[in-house]
Amino acid sequence: MIVVHIFVHVKPDCVEAFRRATIENARNSALEPGIARFDVLQQSDDATRFVLVEVYRNAEATAQHKATTHYNAWAAVALDMMAEPRTRTTYSNAFPDDASW
């Protein structure tokens, strides 16, 4: 499994539009066979900050995700809503180590 945390700071006037666009992307992403999980988190004490948690079954799935229509539609609108460039951190799961989950 490959787990990616994407940290996004959104312009204050774009929070609701970003949230809607990101949830739509997440709904479609969760249907991809290579994605085990896709969460959209909004910071409790700062509504302009989000974390996307994407869990991929393998490296190939990360590339496949970026080629989808829904990801590209999201990127086309979401990038302009960001107050600064998004950042990401990639993890591999230590537990459970069974790749079947």
Protein backbone atom coordinates (compact mmCIF):
# COMPACT_ATOMS: atom_id res chain seq x y z
CA MET A 1 0.00 0.00 0.00
CA ILE A 2 1.06 3.55 -0.71
CA VAL A 3 -0.48 6.21 1.51
CA VAL A 4 -0.30 9.82 0.41
CA HIS A 5 -1.24 12.81 2.58
CA ILE A 6 -1.82 15.94 0.52
CA PHE A 7 -1.91 19.20 2.47
CA VAL A 8 -3.95 22.00 0.94
CA HIS A 9 -4.42 25.59 2.06
CA VAL A 10 -7.44 27.11 0.30
CA LYS A 11 -8.28 30.78 -0.26
CA PRO A 12 -10.94 31.81 2.29
CA ASP A 13 -13.48 32.74 -0.38
CA CYS A 14 -13.06 29.35 -2.09
CA VAL A 15 -13.55 26.98 0.84
CA GLU A 16 -17.04 25.73 -0.08
CA ALA A 17 -16.30 25.44 -3.80
CA PHE A 18 -13.08 23.56 -3.05
CA ARG A 19 -14.86 21.27 -0.63
CA ARG A 20 -17.57 20.42 -3.19
CA ALA A 21 -15.09 19.82 -6.02
CA THR A 22 -12.83 17.72 -3.80
CA ILE A 23 -15.66 15.56 -2.45
CA GLU A 24 -16.83 14.92 -6.03
CA ASN A 25 -13.30 13.87 -6.96
CA ALA A 26 -13.08 11.67 -3.85
CA ARG A 27 -16.38 9.92 -4.63
CA ASN A 28 -15.16 9.01 -8.10
CA SER A 29 -11.66 8.16 -6.91
CA ALA A 30 -13.01 5.69 -4.34
CA LEU A 31 -14.49 3.72 -7.25
CA GLU A 32 -11.10 3.19 -8.88
CA PRO A 33 -9.89 -0.41 -8.45
CA GLY A 34 -6.39 0.76 -7.48
CA ILE A 35 -7.59 2.98 -4.64
CA ALA A 36 -8.27 1.33 -1.29
CA ARG A 37 -9.36 4.54 0.46
CA PHE A 38 -9.73 8.25 -0.26
CA ASP A 39 -10.52 10.65 2.61
CA VAL A 40 -11.10 14.40 2.59
CA LEU A 41 -10.33 16.01 5.95
CA GLN A 42 -11.01 19.64 6.84
CA GLN A 43 -9.11 21.14 9.77
CA SER A 44 -11.39 21.82 12.75
CA ASP A 45 -9.84 25.12 13.79
CA ASP A 46 -9.05 26.47 10.31
CA ALA A 47 -11.62 25.73 7.61
CA THR A 48 -9.17 26.79 4.89
CA ARG A 49 -6.91 23.80 5.51
CA PHE A 50 -7.54 20.33 4.15
CA VAL A 51 -5.72 17.01 4.11
CA LEU A 52 -6.48 14.46 1.42
CA VAL A 53 -5.59 10.93 2.45
CA GLU A 54 -5.21 8.66 -0.54
CA VAL A 55 -4.44 4.96 -0.12
CA TYR A 56 -3.26 3.20 -3.28
CA ARG A 57 -2.89 -0.53 -3.75
CA ASN A 58 0.34 -0.07 -5.75
CA ALA A 59 2.48 2.51 -7.55
CA GLU A 60 0.72 1.87 -10.85
CA ALA A 61 -2.57 2.99 -9.28
CA THR A 62 -1.13 6.42 -8.45
CA ALA A 63 -0.34 7.05 -12.12
CA GLN A 64 -3.70 5.67 -13.22
CA HIS A 65 -5.49 8.02 -10.83
CA LYS A 66 -3.80 11.08 -12.32
CA ALA A 67 -4.96 10.02 -15.78
CA THR A 68 -8.66 9.91 -14.86
CA THR A 69 -11.21 12.42 -16.09
CA HIS A 70 -12.40 13.20 -12.56
CA TYR A 71 -8.90 13.95 -11.26
CA ASN A 72 -8.15 16.24 -14.21
CA ALA A 73 -11.51 18.02 -13.80
CA TRP A 74 -10.71 18.55 -10.11
CA ALA A 75 -7.20 19.83 -10.84
CA ALA A 76 -8.52 22.24 -13.47
CA VAL A 77 -10.66 24.05 -10.90
CA ALA A 78 -9.01 23.31 -7.54
CA LEU A 79 -5.53 24.63 -8.30
CA ASP A 80 -6.81 28.18 -8.65
CA MET A 81 -8.57 27.90 -5.29
CA MET A 82 -5.37 27.17 -3.40
CA ALA A 83 -3.73 29.91 -1.34
CA GLU A 84 -0.34 28.26 -1.87
CA PRO A 85 0.97 25.18 -3.67
CA ARG A 86 -0.17 21.92 -2.11
CA THR A 87 2.39 19.65 -0.50
CA ARG A 88 2.45 15.90 -0.09
CA THR A 89 4.04 13.26 2.04
CA THR A 90 4.12 9.62 0.97
CA TYR A 91 4.08 6.70 3.40
CA SER A 92 4.12 2.93 3.24
CA ASN A 93 2.05 1.08 5.80
CA ALA A 94 3.93 -0.64 8.60
CA PHE A 95 0.83 -2.31 10.08
CA PRO A 96 -0.97 -4.20 8.96
CA ASP A 97 1.67 -5.45 6.60
CA ASP A 98 -0.71 -7.81 4.83
CA ALA A 99 -1.16 -6.38 1.33
CA SER A 100 -4.56 -8.07 1.01
CA TRP A 101 -6.45 -5.43 2.96
